[in-house]
């Protein structure tokens, strides 16, 4: 995260906040009304810039958690097509996983903007069904 502050000779303050991880940037420009900004105004602007940077970070983490969960669902669906899991010996277990995958997919479709922790919790719920079964298959 980079923050750049510039004050020109006319008291105009420019603030640029760049998030290197997401390539997002935000800029603010204020004009000094009587030649200069007060210290309080500068502090407020710095505080706002830091708050926006934190919000961007949380948004990025939320999107990454959603993408991990979506990819995990896709991977489990793909593994279900594996012939070892499709045998009669595993058919009951396979049905449990299919139900869990369907529920996870429906939850994901219905919850587009939840916290990173909620995505991780739902992913763990699917993993709690899937992991014991896949261990038995390959044991």
Protein backbone atom coordinates (compact mmCIF):
# COMPACT_ATOMS: atom_id res chain seq x y z
CA UNK A 1 0.00 0.00 0.00
CA UNK A 2 1.44 3.36 -1.02
CA UNK A 3 0.13 6.77 0.03
CA UNK A 4 1.40 9.93 -1.58
CA UNK A 5 0.63 13.43 -0.32
CA UNK A 6 1.42 16.59 -2.26
CA UNK A 7 0.68 20.20 -1.38
CA UNK A 8 1.36 22.73 -4.07
CA UNK A 9 2.17 26.44 -3.68
CA UNK A 10 -1.54 27.32 -3.76
CA UNK A 11 -2.41 25.08 -0.81
CA UNK A 12 -3.96 22.36 -2.95
CA UNK A 13 -3.52 18.96 -1.34
CA UNK A 14 -3.48 15.85 -3.50
CA UNK A 15 -3.63 12.41 -1.88
CA UNK A 16 -3.08 9.21 -3.86
CA UNK A 17 -3.61 5.79 -2.28
CA UNK A 18 -2.43 2.79 -4.31
CA UNK A 19 -3.01 -0.85 -3.39
CA UNK A 20 -0.18 -2.80 -5.02
CA UNK A 21 -1.91 -6.15 -4.51
CA UNK A 22 -5.10 -5.22 -6.36
CA UNK A 23 -3.77 -2.41 -8.57
CA UNK A 24 -6.58 -0.20 -7.25
CA UNK A 25 -5.99 3.44 -6.54
CA UNK A 26 -7.98 6.31 -5.13
CA UNK A 27 -7.13 9.96 -5.23
CA UNK A 28 -8.41 13.05 -3.47
CA UNK A 29 -7.78 16.67 -4.26
CA UNK A 30 -8.70 19.54 -1.98
CA UNK A 31 -8.20 23.20 -2.51
CA UNK A 32 -7.08 25.33 0.38
CA UNK A 33 -9.74 27.96 0.91
CA UNK A 34 -7.46 30.51 2.52
CA UNK A 35 -4.14 29.36 1.30
CA UNK A 36 -3.50 26.41 3.60
CA UNK A 37 -5.18 23.36 5.05
CA UNK A 38 -5.41 23.07 8.77
CA UNK A 39 -3.65 20.25 10.53
CA UNK A 40 -7.06 18.79 11.42
CA UNK A 41 -8.09 18.72 7.76
CA UNK A 42 -4.91 16.93 6.76
CA UNK A 43 -5.33 14.43 9.62
CA UNK A 44 -8.94 13.80 8.58
CA UNK A 45 -7.88 13.15 5.00
CA UNK A 46 -5.12 10.78 6.11
CA UNK A 47 -7.59 8.94 8.34
CA UNK A 48 -10.07 8.62 5.45
CA UNK A 49 -7.35 7.32 3.14
CA UNK A 50 -6.30 4.70 5.68
CA UNK A 51 -9.91 3.67 6.22
CA UNK A 52 -10.43 3.22 2.48
CA UNK A 53 -7.24 1.16 2.26
CA UNK A 54 -8.52 -1.13 5.05
CA UNK A 55 -11.90 -1.48 3.33
CA UNK A 56 -10.15 -2.40 0.08
CA UNK A 57 -8.08 -5.02 1.92
CA UNK A 58 -11.18 -6.58 3.50
CA UNK A 59 -12.97 -6.58 0.16
CA UNK A 60 -10.03 -8.32 -1.50
CA UNK A 61 -9.89 -10.96 1.24
CA UNK A 62 -13.65 -11.56 0.94
CA UNK A 63 -13.40 -12.05 -2.83
CA UNK A 64 -10.43 -14.40 -2.45
CA UNK A 65 -12.31 -16.49 0.14
CA UNK A 66 -15.34 -16.71 -2.16
CA UNK A 67 -13.13 -17.77 -5.07
CA UNK A 68 -11.41 -20.45 -2.95
CA UNK A 69 -14.79 -21.82 -1.86
CA UNK A 70 -16.12 -21.80 -5.42
CA UNK A 71 -12.99 -23.60 -6.66
CA UNK A 72 -13.28 -26.16 -3.84
CA UNK A 73 -16.88 -26.94 -4.81
CA UNK A 74 -15.76 -27.36 -8.42
CA UNK A 75 -12.89 -29.67 -7.38
CA UNK A 76 -15.17 -31.85 -5.25
CA UNK A 77 -17.69 -32.09 -8.11
CA UNK A 78 -14.89 -33.18 -10.42
CA UNK A 79 -13.67 -35.79 -7.96
CA UNK A 80 -17.18 -37.22 -7.69
CA UNK A 81 -16.91 -38.22 -11.34
CA UNK A 82 -13.89 -40.36 -10.51
CA UNK A 83 -14.75 -44.03 -11.08
CA UNK A 84 -13.46 -45.12 -7.63
CA UNK A 85 -16.06 -43.00 -5.91
CA UNK A 86 -18.80 -44.08 -8.26
CA UNK A 87 -18.68 -47.76 -7.31
CA UNK A 88 -21.51 -49.34 -5.32
CA UNK A 89 -19.25 -49.58 -2.29
CA UNK A 90 -19.15 -45.79 -2.11
CA UNK A 91 -22.58 -44.94 -3.50
CA UNK A 92 -24.07 -43.95 -0.12
CA UNK A 93 -21.05 -41.79 0.67
CA UNK A 94 -21.19 -40.29 -2.79
CA UNK A 95 -24.82 -39.33 -2.25
CA UNK A 96 -23.89 -37.56 1.01
CA UNK A 97 -21.22 -35.57 -0.79
CA UNK A 98 -23.55 -34.73 -3.68
CA UNK A 99 -26.09 -33.35 -1.20
CA UNK A 100 -23.37 -31.36 0.58
CA UNK A 101 -22.07 -29.99 -2.74
CA UNK A 102 -25.58 -29.00 -3.82
CA UNK A 103 -26.19 -27.26 -0.48
CA UNK A 104 -22.82 -25.48 -0.70
CA UNK A 105 -23.54 -24.32 -4.26
CA UNK A 106 -26.98 -23.06 -3.29
CA UNK A 107 -25.56 -21.27 -0.27
CA UNK A 108 -22.88 -19.65 -2.42
CA UNK A 109 -25.44 -18.53 -5.01
CA UNK A 110 -27.63 -17.02 -2.30
CA UNK A 111 -24.87 -15.30 -0.34
CA UNK A 112 -22.95 -13.08 -2.70
CA UNK A 113 -21.59 -10.58 -0.22
CA UNK A 114 -20.82 -12.16 3.14
CA UNK A 115 -17.67 -11.96 5.23
CA UNK A 116 -14.49 -13.87 4.56
CA UNK A 117 -15.18 -15.87 7.72
CA UNK A 118 -18.64 -16.94 6.51
CA UNK A 119 -17.17 -18.25 3.24
CA UNK A 120 -14.50 -20.14 5.17
CA UNK A 121 -17.10 -21.58 7.58
CA UNK A 122 -19.25 -22.85 4.70
CA UNK A 123 -16.22 -24.30 2.94
CA UNK A 124 -15.26 -26.13 6.13
CA UNK A 125 -18.78 -27.55 6.38
CA UNK A 126 -18.35 -29.14 2.94
CA UNK A 127 -14.84 -30.31 3.82
CA UNK A 128 -16.19 -31.99 6.96
CA UNK A 129 -18.38 -34.19 4.74
CA UNK A 130 -15.88 -34.69 1.91
CA UNK A 131 -12.56 -35.32 3.69
CA UNK A 132 -13.51 -38.47 5.66
CA UNK A 133 -15.04 -40.02 2.55
CA UNK A 134 -12.11 -39.31 0.27
CA UNK A 135 -9.75 -40.73 2.90
CA UNK A 136 -11.73 -44.00 2.89
CA UNK A 137 -11.70 -44.15 -0.90
CA UNK A 138 -7.94 -43.84 -1.17
CA UNK A 139 -7.03 -45.74 2.02
